[in-house]
Amino acid sequence: HEKDPKLYTANGLLNMLGRNRQVKWGPERWQDWQIG
């Protein structure tokens, strides 16, 4: 949003991230998951 609000609103990234932050804290990597 700080870099370019018009660009990232137009391409849907800000809407996507707005959804994501309502789901969980942040992106996690599969290979780092400690299963069990």
Full PDB file with SEQRES, HELIX, SHEET, SSBOND, CRYST1, ORIGX, SCALE, CONECT and MASTER records, all heavy atoms in Angstrom:
SEQRES   1 A   36  HIS GLU LYS ASP PRO LYS LEU TYR THR ALA ASN GLY LEU          
SEQRES   2 A   36  LEU ASN MET LEU GLY ARG ASN ARG GLN VAL LYS TRP GLY          
SEQRES   3 A   36  PRO GLU ARG TRP GLN ASP TRP GLN ILE GLY                      
HELIX    1 AA1 PRO A    5  ALA A   10  1                                   6    
HELIX    2 AA2 LEU A   13  ASN A   20  1                                   8    
HELIX    3 AA3 TRP A   30  ASP A   32  5                                   3    
CRYST1    1.000    1.000    1.000  90.00  90.00  90.00 P 1           1          
ORIGX1      1.000000  0.000000  0.000000        0.00000                         
ORIGX2      0.000000  1.000000  0.000000        0.00000                         
ORIGX3      0.000000  0.000000  1.000000        0.00000                         
SCALE1      1.000000  0.000000  0.000000        0.00000                         
SCALE2      0.000000  1.000000  0.000000        0.00000                         
SCALE3      0.000000  0.000000  1.000000        0.00000                         
ATOM      1  N   HIS A   1       0.831  -1.210   0.000  1.00  0.00           N  
ATOM      2  CA  HIS A   1       0.000   0.000   0.000  1.00  0.00           C  
ATOM      3  C   HIS A   1       0.862   1.255   0.000  1.00  0.00           C  
ATOM      4  O   HIS A   1       0.534   2.256  -0.648  1.00  0.00           O  
ATOM      5  CB  HIS A   1      -0.934  -0.008   1.216  1.00  0.00           C  
ATOM      6  CG  HIS A   1      -1.964   1.073   1.192  1.00  0.00           C  
ATOM      7  ND1 HIS A   1      -1.722   2.347   1.672  1.00  0.00           N  
ATOM      8  CD2 HIS A   1      -3.240   1.080   0.721  1.00  0.00           C  
ATOM      9  CE1 HIS A   1      -2.793   3.087   1.509  1.00  0.00           C  
ATOM     10  NE2 HIS A   1      -3.732   2.343   0.929  1.00  0.00           N  
ATOM     11  N   GLU A   2       1.973   1.189   0.699  1.00  0.00           N  
ATOM     12  CA  GLU A   2       2.890   2.327   0.731  1.00  0.00           C  
ATOM     13  C   GLU A   2       3.619   2.492  -0.611  1.00  0.00           C  
ATOM     14  O   GLU A   2       3.851   3.620  -1.066  1.00  0.00           O  
ATOM     15  CB  GLU A   2       3.906   2.150   1.856  1.00  0.00           C  
ATOM     16  CG  GLU A   2       4.890   3.307   2.008  1.00  0.00           C  
ATOM     17  CD  GLU A   2       5.850   3.110   3.159  1.00  0.00           C  
ATOM     18  OE1 GLU A   2       5.547   2.284   4.061  1.00  0.00           O  
ATOM     19  OE2 GLU A   2       6.909   3.754   3.164  1.00  0.00           O  
ATOM     20  N   LYS A   3       3.959   1.366  -1.244  1.00  0.00           N  
ATOM     21  CA  LYS A   3       4.699   1.425  -2.506  1.00  0.00           C  
ATOM     22  C   LYS A   3       3.855   1.996  -3.644  1.00  0.00           C  
ATOM     23  O   LYS A   3       4.296   2.876  -4.386  1.00  0.00           O  
ATOM     24  CB  LYS A   3       5.196   0.032  -2.891  1.00  0.00           C  
ATOM     25  CG  LYS A   3       6.359  -0.479  -2.062  1.00  0.00           C  
ATOM     26  CD  LYS A   3       6.761  -1.889  -2.509  1.00  0.00           C  
ATOM     27  CE  LYS A   3       7.969  -2.402  -1.738  1.00  0.00           C  
ATOM     28  NZ  LYS A   3       8.329  -3.790  -2.146  1.00  0.00           N  
ATOM     29  N   ASP A   4       2.655   1.474  -3.835  1.00  0.00           N  
ATOM     30  CA  ASP A   4       1.822   1.907  -4.967  1.00  0.00           C  
ATOM     31  C   ASP A   4       0.385   1.435  -4.749  1.00  0.00           C  
ATOM     32  O   ASP A   4      -0.019   0.386  -5.265  1.00  0.00           O  
ATOM     33  CB  ASP A   4       2.373   1.344  -6.278  1.00  0.00           C  
ATOM     34  CG  ASP A   4       1.757   2.005  -7.505  1.00  0.00           C  
ATOM     35  OD1 ASP A   4       0.616   2.489  -7.405  1.00  0.00           O  
ATOM     36  OD2 ASP A   4       2.422   2.028  -8.556  1.00  0.00           O  
ATOM     37  N   PRO A   5      -0.406   2.197  -4.001  1.00  0.00           N  
ATOM     38  CA  PRO A   5      -1.771   1.751  -3.683  1.00  0.00           C  
ATOM     39  C   PRO A   5      -2.656   1.568  -4.914  1.00  0.00           C  
ATOM     40  O   PRO A   5      -3.493   0.660  -4.951  1.00  0.00           O  
ATOM     41  CB  PRO A   5      -2.302   2.841  -2.763  1.00  0.00           C  
ATOM     42  CG  PRO A   5      -1.438   4.033  -3.020  1.00  0.00           C  
ATOM     43  CD  PRO A   5      -0.093   3.488  -3.365  1.00  0.00           C  
ATOM     44  N   LYS A   6      -2.476   2.402  -5.938  1.00  0.00           N  
ATOM     45  CA  LYS A   6      -3.317   2.282  -7.132  1.00  0.00           C  
ATOM     46  C   LYS A   6      -3.013   0.991  -7.885  1.00  0.00           C  
ATOM     47  O   LYS A   6      -3.930   0.267  -8.292  1.00  0.00           O  
ATOM     48  CB  LYS A   6      -3.105   3.497  -8.052  1.00  0.00           C  
ATOM     49  CG  LYS A   6      -3.617   4.807  -7.483  1.00  0.00           C  
ATOM     50  CD  LYS A   6      -3.432   5.963  -8.438  1.00  0.00           C  
ATOM     51  CE  LYS A   6      -4.289   5.804  -9.677  1.00  0.00           C  
ATOM     52  NZ  LYS A   6      -4.201   6.994 -10.565  1.00  0.00           N  
ATOM     53  N   LEU A   7      -1.720   0.682  -8.068  1.00  0.00           N  
ATOM     54  CA  LEU A   7      -1.333  -0.532  -8.783  1.00  0.00           C  
ATOM     55  C   LEU A   7      -1.818  -1.774  -8.059  1.00  0.00           C  
ATOM     56  O   LEU A   7      -2.429  -2.667  -8.666  1.00  0.00           O  
ATOM     57  CB  LEU A   7       0.192  -0.584  -8.938  1.00  0.00           C  
ATOM     58  CG  LEU A   7       0.761  -1.903  -9.473  1.00  0.00           C  
ATOM     59  CD1 LEU A   7       0.250  -2.192 -10.875  1.00  0.00           C  
ATOM     60  CD2 LEU A   7       2.286  -1.889  -9.436  1.00  0.00           C  
ATOM     61  N   TYR A   8      -1.575  -1.843  -6.751  1.00  0.00           N  
ATOM     62  CA  TYR A   8      -1.866  -3.071  -6.025  1.00  0.00           C  
ATOM     63  C   TYR A   8      -3.332  -3.196  -5.634  1.00  0.00           C  
ATOM     64  O   TYR A   8      -3.783  -4.285  -5.275  1.00  0.00           O  
ATOM     65  CB  TYR A   8      -0.935  -3.184  -4.816  1.00  0.00           C  
ATOM     66  CG  TYR A   8       0.518  -3.288  -5.247  1.00  0.00           C  
ATOM     67  CD1 TYR A   8       1.468  -2.339  -4.879  1.00  0.00           C  
ATOM     68  CD2 TYR A   8       0.925  -4.327  -6.078  1.00  0.00           C  
ATOM     69  CE1 TYR A   8       2.780  -2.426  -5.305  1.00  0.00           C  
ATOM     70  CE2 TYR A   8       2.234  -4.421  -6.513  1.00  0.00           C  
ATOM     71  CZ  TYR A   8       3.165  -3.474  -6.126  1.00  0.00           C  
ATOM     72  OH  TYR A   8       4.457  -3.575  -6.579  1.00  0.00           O  
ATOM     73  N   THR A   9      -4.088  -2.106  -5.762  1.00  0.00           N  
ATOM     74  CA  THR A   9      -5.541  -2.218  -5.683  1.00  0.00           C  
ATOM     75  C   THR A   9      -6.085  -2.736  -7.004  1.00  0.00           C  
ATOM     76  O   THR A   9      -6.945  -3.629  -7.040  1.00  0.00           O  
ATOM     77  CB  THR A   9      -6.177  -0.858  -5.351  1.00  0.00           C  
ATOM     78  OG1 THR A   9      -5.738  -0.423  -4.066  1.00  0.00           O  
ATOM     79  CG2 THR A   9      -7.698  -0.964  -5.343  1.00  0.00           C  
ATOM     80  N   ALA A  10      -5.561  -2.187  -8.101  1.00  0.00           N  
ATOM     81  CA  ALA A  10      -6.033  -2.573  -9.435  1.00  0.00           C  
ATOM     82  C   ALA A  10      -5.777  -4.041  -9.741  1.00  0.00           C  
ATOM     83  O   ALA A  10      -6.614  -4.709 -10.365  1.00  0.00           O  
ATOM     84  CB  ALA A  10      -5.388  -1.685 -10.498  1.00  0.00           C  
ATOM     85  N   ASN A  11      -4.627  -4.569  -9.320  1.00  0.00           N  
ATOM     86  CA  ASN A  11      -4.330  -5.971  -9.649  1.00  0.00           C  
ATOM     87  C   ASN A  11      -4.830  -6.964  -8.595  1.00  0.00           C  
ATOM     88  O   ASN A  11      -4.603  -8.169  -8.696  1.00  0.00           O  
ATOM     89  CB  ASN A  11      -2.834  -6.172  -9.900  1.00  0.00           C  
ATOM     90  CG  ASN A  11      -1.968  -5.996  -8.659  1.00  0.00           C  
ATOM     91  OD1 ASN A  11      -2.462  -5.879  -7.536  1.00  0.00           O  
ATOM     92  ND2 ASN A  11      -0.649  -5.975  -8.865  1.00  0.00           N  
ATOM     93  N   GLY A  12      -5.526  -6.453  -7.584  1.00  0.00           N  
ATOM     94  CA  GLY A  12      -6.185  -7.329  -6.616  1.00  0.00           C  
ATOM     95  C   GLY A  12      -5.338  -7.788  -5.453  1.00  0.00           C  
ATOM     96  O   GLY A  12      -5.833  -8.502  -4.569  1.00  0.00           O  
ATOM     97  N   LEU A  13      -4.062  -7.379  -5.395  1.00  0.00           N  
ATOM     98  CA  LEU A  13      -3.199  -7.863  -4.313  1.00  0.00           C  
ATOM     99  C   LEU A  13      -3.642  -7.349  -2.949  1.00  0.00           C  
ATOM    100  O   LEU A  13      -3.619  -8.094  -1.958  1.00  0.00           O  
ATOM    101  CB  LEU A  13      -1.746  -7.473  -4.566  1.00  0.00           C  
ATOM    102  CG  LEU A  13      -0.980  -8.276  -5.621  1.00  0.00           C  
ATOM    103  CD1 LEU A  13       0.484  -7.874  -5.627  1.00  0.00           C  
ATOM    104  CD2 LEU A  13      -1.114  -9.775  -5.388  1.00  0.00           C  
ATOM    105  N   LEU A  14      -4.030  -6.089  -2.866  1.00  0.00           N  
ATOM    106  CA  LEU A  14      -4.433  -5.557  -1.559  1.00  0.00           C  
ATOM    107  C   LEU A  14      -5.716  -6.215  -1.072  1.00  0.00           C  
ATOM    108  O   LEU A  14      -5.857  -6.506   0.129  1.00  0.00           O  
ATOM    109  CB  LEU A  14      -4.601  -4.039  -1.634  1.00  0.00           C  
ATOM    110  CG  LEU A  14      -3.307  -3.237  -1.843  1.00  0.00           C  
ATOM    111  CD1 LEU A  14      -3.600  -1.742  -1.856  1.00  0.00           C  
ATOM    112  CD2 LEU A  14      -2.275  -3.564  -0.763  1.00  0.00           C  
ATOM    113  N   ASN A  15      -6.633  -6.492  -1.974  1.00  0.00           N  
ATOM    114  CA  ASN A  15      -7.853  -7.194  -1.580  1.00  0.00           C  
ATOM    115  C   ASN A  15      -7.523  -8.611  -1.100  1.00  0.00           C  
ATOM    116  O   ASN A  15      -8.066  -9.073  -0.079  1.00  0.00           O  
ATOM    117  CB  ASN A  15      -8.816  -7.255  -2.759  1.00  0.00           C  
ATOM    118  CG  ASN A  15     -10.116  -7.937  -2.395  1.00  0.00           C  
ATOM    119  OD1 ASN A  15     -10.886  -7.441  -1.571  1.00  0.00           O  
ATOM    120  ND2 ASN A  15     -10.387  -9.086  -3.004  1.00  0.00           N  
ATOM    121  N   MET A  16      -6.628  -9.291  -1.820  1.00  0.00           N  
ATOM    122  CA  MET A  16      -6.221 -10.637  -1.431  1.00  0.00           C  
ATOM    123  C   MET A  16      -5.551 -10.642  -0.058  1.00  0.00           C  
ATOM    124  O   MET A  16      -5.867 -11.467   0.808  1.00  0.00           O  
ATOM    125  CB  MET A  16      -5.265 -11.203  -2.471  1.00  0.00           C  
ATOM    126  CG  MET A  16      -4.730 -12.590  -2.174  1.00  0.00           C  
ATOM    127  SD  MET A  16      -3.388 -13.082  -3.293  1.00  0.00           S  
ATOM    128  CE  MET A  16      -2.040 -12.082  -2.640  1.00  0.00           C  
ATOM    129  N   LEU A  17      -4.644  -9.703   0.170  1.00  0.00           N  
ATOM    130  CA  LEU A  17      -3.940  -9.639   1.449  1.00  0.00           C  
ATOM    131  C   LEU A  17      -4.875  -9.233   2.579  1.00  0.00           C  
ATOM    132  O   LEU A  17      -4.712  -9.687   3.722  1.00  0.00           O  
ATOM    133  CB  LEU A  17      -2.766  -8.668   1.345  1.00  0.00           C  
ATOM    134  CG  LEU A  17      -1.601  -9.174   0.481  1.00  0.00           C  
ATOM    135  CD1 LEU A  17      -0.716  -8.018   0.034  1.00  0.00           C  
ATOM    136  CD2 LEU A  17      -0.785 -10.209   1.240  1.00  0.00           C  
ATOM    137  N   GLY A  18      -5.855  -8.387   2.252  1.00  0.00           N  
ATOM    138  CA  GLY A  18      -6.852  -8.042   3.256  1.00  0.00           C  
ATOM    139  C   GLY A  18      -7.627  -9.265   3.710  1.00  0.00           C  
ATOM    140  O   GLY A  18      -7.919  -9.418   4.902  1.00  0.00           O  
ATOM    141  N   ARG A  19      -7.958 -10.136   2.767  1.00  0.00           N  
ATOM    142  CA  ARG A  19      -8.598 -11.408   3.125  1.00  0.00           C  
ATOM    143  C   ARG A  19      -7.662 -12.270   3.957  1.00  0.00           C  
ATOM    144  O   ARG A  19      -8.043 -12.809   5.000  1.00  0.00           O  
ATOM    145  CB  ARG A  19      -8.989 -12.164   1.853  1.00  0.00           C  
ATOM    146  CG  ARG A  19      -9.527 -13.574   2.098  1.00  0.00           C  
ATOM    147  CD  ARG A  19      -9.380 -14.448   0.869  1.00  0.00           C  
ATOM    148  NE  ARG A  19      -7.976 -14.669   0.518  1.00  0.00           N  
ATOM    149  CZ  ARG A  19      -7.582 -15.125  -0.664  1.00  0.00           C  
ATOM    150  NH1 ARG A  19      -8.468 -15.379  -1.607  1.00  0.00           N  
ATOM    151  NH2 ARG A  19      -6.281 -15.310  -0.903  1.00  0.00           N  
ATOM    152  N   ASN A  20      -6.421 -12.405   3.490  1.00  0.00           N  
ATOM    153  CA  ASN A  20      -5.476 -13.303   4.159  1.00  0.00           C  
ATOM    154  C   ASN A  20      -5.243 -12.929   5.612  1.00  0.00           C  
ATOM    155  O   ASN A  20      -5.143 -13.800   6.483  1.00  0.00           O  
ATOM    156  CB  ASN A  20      -4.138 -13.293   3.419  1.00  0.00           C  
ATOM    157  CG  ASN A  20      -4.216 -13.931   2.039  1.00  0.00           C  
ATOM    158  OD1 ASN A  20      -5.240 -14.492   1.669  1.00  0.00           O  
ATOM    159  ND2 ASN A  20      -3.138 -13.835   1.288  1.00  0.00           N  
ATOM    160  N   ARG A  21      -5.136 -11.634   5.891  1.00  0.00           N  
ATOM    161  CA  ARG A  21      -4.839 -11.234   7.270  1.00  0.00           C  
ATOM    162  C   ARG A  21      -6.025 -11.457   8.203  1.00  0.00           C  
ATOM    163  O   ARG A  21      -5.864 -11.380   9.423  1.00  0.00           O  
ATOM    164  CB  ARG A  21      -4.353  -9.790   7.321  1.00  0.00           C  
ATOM    165  CG  ARG A  21      -5.316  -8.749   6.825  1.00  0.00           C  
ATOM    166  CD  ARG A  21      -4.667  -7.366   6.834  1.00  0.00           C  
ATOM    167  NE  ARG A  21      -5.583  -6.322   6.381  1.00  0.00           N  
ATOM    168  CZ  ARG A  21      -5.286  -5.034   6.358  1.00  0.00           C  
ATOM    169  NH1 ARG A  21      -4.092  -4.620   6.764  1.00  0.00           N  
ATOM    170  NH2 ARG A  21      -6.167  -4.151   5.935  1.00  0.00           N  
ATOM    171  N   GLN A  22      -7.204 -11.754   7.628  1.00  0.00           N  
ATOM    172  CA  GLN A  22      -8.351 -12.141   8.441  1.00  0.00           C  
ATOM    173  C   GLN A  22      -8.395 -13.645   8.681  1.00  0.00           C  
ATOM    174  O   GLN A  22      -9.211 -14.129   9.467  1.00  0.00           O  
ATOM    175  CB  GLN A  22      -9.653 -11.695   7.759  1.00  0.00           C  
ATOM    176  CG  GLN A  22      -9.770 -10.197   7.540  1.00  0.00           C  
ATOM    177  CD  GLN A  22      -9.728  -9.406   8.838  1.00  0.00           C  
ATOM    178  OE1 GLN A  22     -10.360  -9.794   9.825  1.00  0.00           O  
ATOM    179  NE2 GLN A  22      -8.972  -8.318   8.854  1.00  0.00           N  
ATOM    180  N   VAL A  23      -7.522 -14.377   7.989  1.00  0.00           N  
ATOM    181  CA  VAL A  23      -7.516 -15.840   8.094  1.00  0.00           C  
ATOM    182  C   VAL A  23      -6.430 -16.328   9.046  1.00  0.00           C  
ATOM    183  O   VAL A  23      -6.675 -17.158   9.918  1.00  0.00           O  
ATOM    184  CB  VAL A  23      -7.335 -16.484   6.702  1.00  0.00           C  
ATOM    185  CG1 VAL A  23      -7.213 -18.009   6.815  1.00  0.00           C  
ATOM    186  CG2 VAL A  23      -8.496 -16.119   5.788  1.00  0.00           C  
ATOM    187  N   LYS A  24      -5.199 -15.809   8.870  1.00  0.00           N  
ATOM    188  CA  LYS A  24      -4.114 -16.194   9.774  1.00  0.00           C  
ATOM    189  C   LYS A  24      -3.021 -15.137   9.731  1.00  0.00           C  
ATOM    190  O   LYS A  24      -3.097 -14.172   8.969  1.00  0.00           O  
ATOM    191  CB  LYS A  24      -3.563 -17.577   9.417  1.00  0.00           C  
ATOM    192  CG  LYS A  24      -2.861 -17.676   8.074  1.00  0.00           C  
ATOM    193  CD  LYS A  24      -2.261 -19.084   7.917  1.00  0.00           C  
ATOM    194  CE  LYS A  24      -1.305 -19.152   6.741  1.00  0.00           C  
ATOM    195  NZ  LYS A  24      -0.609 -20.452   6.653  1.00  0.00           N  
ATOM    196  N   TRP A  25      -1.970 -15.312  10.550  1.00  0.00           N  
ATOM    197  CA  TRP A  25      -0.962 -14.271  10.743  1.00  0.00           C  
ATOM    198  C   TRP A  25      -0.132 -14.014   9.498  1.00  0.00           C  
ATOM    199  O   TRP A  25       0.068 -12.867   9.099  1.00  0.00           O  
ATOM    200  CB  TRP A  25      -0.053 -14.652  11.909  1.00  0.00           C  
ATOM    201  CG  TRP A  25       0.998 -13.613  12.206  1.00  0.00           C  
ATOM    202  CD1 TRP A  25       0.837 -12.478  12.954  1.00  0.00           C  
ATOM    203  CD2 TRP A  25       2.361 -13.612  11.750  1.00  0.00           C  
ATOM    204  NE1 TRP A  25       2.013 -11.762  13.006  1.00  0.00           N  
ATOM    205  CE2 TRP A  25       2.970 -12.430  12.268  1.00  0.00           C  
ATOM    206  CE3 TRP A  25       3.123 -14.477  10.971  1.00  0.00           C  
ATOM    207  CZ2 TRP A  25       4.305 -12.114  12.021  1.00  0.00           C  
ATOM    208  CZ3 TRP A  25       4.436 -14.164  10.718  1.00  0.00           C  
ATOM    209  CH2 TRP A  25       5.022 -12.988  11.240  1.00  0.00           C  
ATOM    210  N   GLY A  26       0.414 -15.081   8.904  1.00  0.00           N  
ATOM    211  CA  GLY A  26       1.311 -14.865   7.777  1.00  0.00           C  
ATOM    212  C   GLY A  26       1.586 -16.146   7.012  1.00  0.00           C  
ATOM    213  O   GLY A  26       1.201 -17.241   7.437  1.00  0.00           O  
ATOM    214  N   PRO A  27       2.260 -16.043   5.864  1.00  0.00           N  
ATOM    215  CA  PRO A  27       2.552 -17.215   5.031  1.00  0.00           C  
ATOM    216  C   PRO A  27       3.557 -18.159   5.684  1.00  0.00           C  
ATOM    217  O   PRO A  27       4.576 -17.721   6.216  1.00  0.00           O  
ATOM    218  CB  PRO A  27       3.114 -16.610   3.735  1.00  0.00           C  
ATOM    219  CG  PRO A  27       3.610 -15.252   4.135  1.00  0.00           C  
ATOM    220  CD  PRO A  27       2.728 -14.785   5.246  1.00  0.00           C  
ATOM    221  N   GLU A  28       3.245 -19.450   5.618  1.00  0.00           N  
ATOM    222  CA  GLU A  28       4.102 -20.491   6.190  1.00  0.00           C  
ATOM    223  C   GLU A  28       4.622 -21.392   5.072  1.00  0.00           C  
ATOM    224  O   GLU A  28       3.954 -21.604   4.067  1.00  0.00           O  
ATOM    225  CB  GLU A  28       3.314 -21.348   7.183  1.00  0.00           C  
ATOM    226  CG  GLU A  28       2.734 -20.592   8.352  1.00  0.00           C  
ATOM    227  CD  GLU A  28       1.858 -21.494   9.211  1.00  0.00           C  
ATOM    228  OE1 GLU A  28       2.407 -22.303   9.974  1.00  0.00           O  
ATOM    229  OE2 GLU A  28       0.617 -21.402   9.086  1.00  0.00           O  
ATOM    230  N   ARG A  29       5.806 -21.943   5.278  1.00  0.00           N  
ATOM    231  CA  ARG A  29       6.422 -22.812   4.273  1.00  0.00           C  
ATOM    232  C   ARG A  29       6.242 -24.275   4.659  1.00  0.00           C  
ATOM    233  O   ARG A  29       6.529 -24.687   5.790  1.00  0.00           O  
ATOM    234  CB  ARG A  29       7.914 -22.474   4.140  1.00  0.00           C  
ATOM    235  CG  ARG A  29       8.618 -23.189   2.990  1.00  0.00           C  
ATOM    236  CD  ARG A  29      10.004 -22.586   2.751  1.00  0.00           C  
ATOM    237  NE  ARG A  29      10.646 -23.200   1.585  1.00  0.00           N  
ATOM    238  CZ  ARG A  29      11.598 -24.124   1.659  1.00  0.00           C  
ATOM    239  NH1 ARG A  29      12.033 -24.543   2.851  1.00  0.00           N  
ATOM    240  NH2 ARG A  29      12.123 -24.630   0.564  1.00  0.00           N  
ATOM    241  N   TRP A  30       5.760 -25.080   3.708  1.00  0.00           N  
ATOM    242  CA  TRP A  30       5.512 -26.504   3.948  1.00  0.00           C  
ATOM    243  C   TRP A  30       6.749 -27.207   4.490  1.00  0.00           C  
ATOM    244  O   TRP A  30       6.671 -27.979   5.456  1.00  0.00           O  
ATOM    245  CB  TRP A  30       5.052 -27.180   2.654  1.00  0.00           C  
ATOM    246  CG  TRP A  30       5.082 -28.673   2.743  1.00  0.00           C  
ATOM    247  CD1 TRP A  30       6.154 -29.486   2.511  1.00  0.00           C  
ATOM    248  CD2 TRP A  30       4.003 -29.525   3.153  1.00  0.00           C  
ATOM    249  NE1 TRP A  30       5.804 -30.806   2.723  1.00  0.00           N  
ATOM    250  CE2 TRP A  30       4.500 -30.852   3.120  1.00  0.00           C  
ATOM    251  CE3 TRP A  30       2.680 -29.309   3.511  1.00  0.00           C  
ATOM    252  CZ2 TRP A  30       3.703 -31.945   3.444  1.00  0.00           C  
ATOM    253  CZ3 TRP A  30       1.892 -30.406   3.841  1.00  0.00           C  
ATOM    254  CH2 TRP A  30       2.403 -31.692   3.808  1.00  0.00           C  
ATOM    255  N   GLN A  31       7.891 -26.962   3.879  1.00  0.00           N  
ATOM    256  CA  GLN A  31       9.109 -27.689   4.247  1.00  0.00           C  
ATOM    257  C   GLN A  31       9.561 -27.379   5.669  1.00  0.00           C  
ATOM    258  O   GLN A  31      10.358 -28.131   6.243  1.00  0.00           O  
ATOM    259  CB  GLN A  31      10.231 -27.371   3.257  1.00  0.00           C  
ATOM    260  CG  GLN A  31       9.985 -27.918   1.858  1.00  0.00           C  
ATOM    261  CD  GLN A  31       9.205 -26.964   0.958  1.00  0.00           C  
ATOM    262  OE1 GLN A  31       8.518 -26.063   1.458  1.00  0.00           O  
ATOM    263  NE2 GLN A  31       9.324 -27.135  -0.351  1.00  0.00           N  
ATOM    264  N   ASP A  32       9.077 -26.292   6.247  1.00  0.00           N  
ATOM    265  CA  ASP A  32       9.427 -25.927   7.625  1.00  0.00           C  
ATOM    266  C   ASP A  32       8.426 -26.451   8.645  1.00  0.00           C  
ATOM    267  O   ASP A  32       8.624 -26.282   9.853  1.00  0.00           O  
ATOM    268  CB  ASP A  32       9.541 -24.407   7.756  1.00  0.00           C  
ATOM    269  CG  ASP A  32      10.621 -23.827   6.857  1.00  0.00           C  
ATOM    270  OD1 ASP A  32      11.634 -24.513   6.630  1.00  0.00           O  
ATOM    271  OD2 ASP A  32      10.447 -22.686   6.377  1.00  0.00           O  
ATOM    272  N   TRP A  33       7.343 -27.054   8.173  1.00  0.00           N  
ATOM    273  CA  TRP A  33       6.304 -27.561   9.074  1.00  0.00           C  
ATOM    274  C   TRP A  33       6.838 -28.769   9.835  1.00  0.00           C  
ATOM    275  O   TRP A  33       7.309 -29.735   9.255  1.00  0.00           O  
ATOM    276  CB  TRP A  33       5.066 -27.943   8.276  1.00  0.00           C  
ATOM    277  CG  TRP A  33       3.955 -28.534   9.091  1.00  0.00           C  
ATOM    278  CD1 TRP A  33       3.694 -28.307  10.413  1.00  0.00           C  
ATOM    279  CD2 TRP A  33       2.953 -29.447   8.629  1.00  0.00           C  
ATOM    280  NE1 TRP A  33       2.588 -29.022  10.808  1.00  0.00           N  
ATOM    281  CE2 TRP A  33       2.108 -29.726   9.734  1.00  0.00           C  
ATOM    282  CE3 TRP A  33       2.680 -30.035   7.395  1.00  0.00           C  
ATOM    283  CZ2 TRP A  33       1.016 -30.584   9.629  1.00  0.00           C  
ATOM    284  CZ3 TRP A  33       1.593 -30.883   7.294  1.00  0.00           C  
ATOM    285  CH2 TRP A  33       0.763 -31.157   8.396  1.00  0.00           C  
ATOM    286  N   GLN A  34       6.747 -28.700  11.156  1.00  0.00           N  
ATOM    287  CA  GLN A  34       7.149 -29.819  12.007  1.00  0.00           C  
ATOM    288  C   GLN A  34       5.933 -30.706  12.237  1.00  0.00           C  
ATOM    289  O   GLN A  34       5.167 -30.521  13.185  1.00  0.00           O  
ATOM    290  CB  GLN A  34       7.720 -29.301  13.334  1.00  0.00           C  
ATOM    291  CG  GLN A  34       9.013 -28.508  13.170  1.00  0.00           C  
ATOM    292  CD  GLN A  34       9.542 -28.010  14.496  1.00  0.00           C  
ATOM    293  OE1 GLN A  34       8.956 -27.127  15.132  1.00  0.00           O  
ATOM    294  NE2 GLN A  34      10.655 -28.573  14.927  1.00  0.00           N  
ATOM    295  N   ILE A  35       5.767 -31.677  11.365  1.00  0.00           N  
ATOM    296  CA  ILE A  35       4.592 -32.543  11.413  1.00  0.00           C  
ATOM    297  C   ILE A  35       4.572 -33.333  12.715  1.00  0.00           C  
ATOM    298  O   ILE A  35       5.575 -33.906  13.129  1.00  0.00           O  
ATOM    299  CB  ILE A  35       4.596 -33.502  10.204  1.00  0.00           C  
ATOM    300  CG1 ILE A  35       4.497 -32.701   8.902  1.00  0.00           C  
ATOM    301  CG2 ILE A  35       3.443 -34.505  10.297  1.00  0.00           C  
ATOM    302  CD1 ILE A  35       4.708 -33.523   7.656  1.00  0.00           C  
ATOM    303  N   GLY A  36       3.425 -33.342  13.359  1.00  0.00           N  
ATOM    304  CA  GLY A  36       3.259 -34.057  14.615  1.00  0.00           C  
ATOM    305  C   GLY A  36       3.608 -33.259  15.846  1.00  0.00           C  
ATOM    306  O   GLY A  36       3.365 -33.708  16.975  1.00  0.00           O  
TER     307      GLY A  36                                                      
MASTER        0    0    0    3    0    0    0    6  306    1    0    3          
END                                                                             
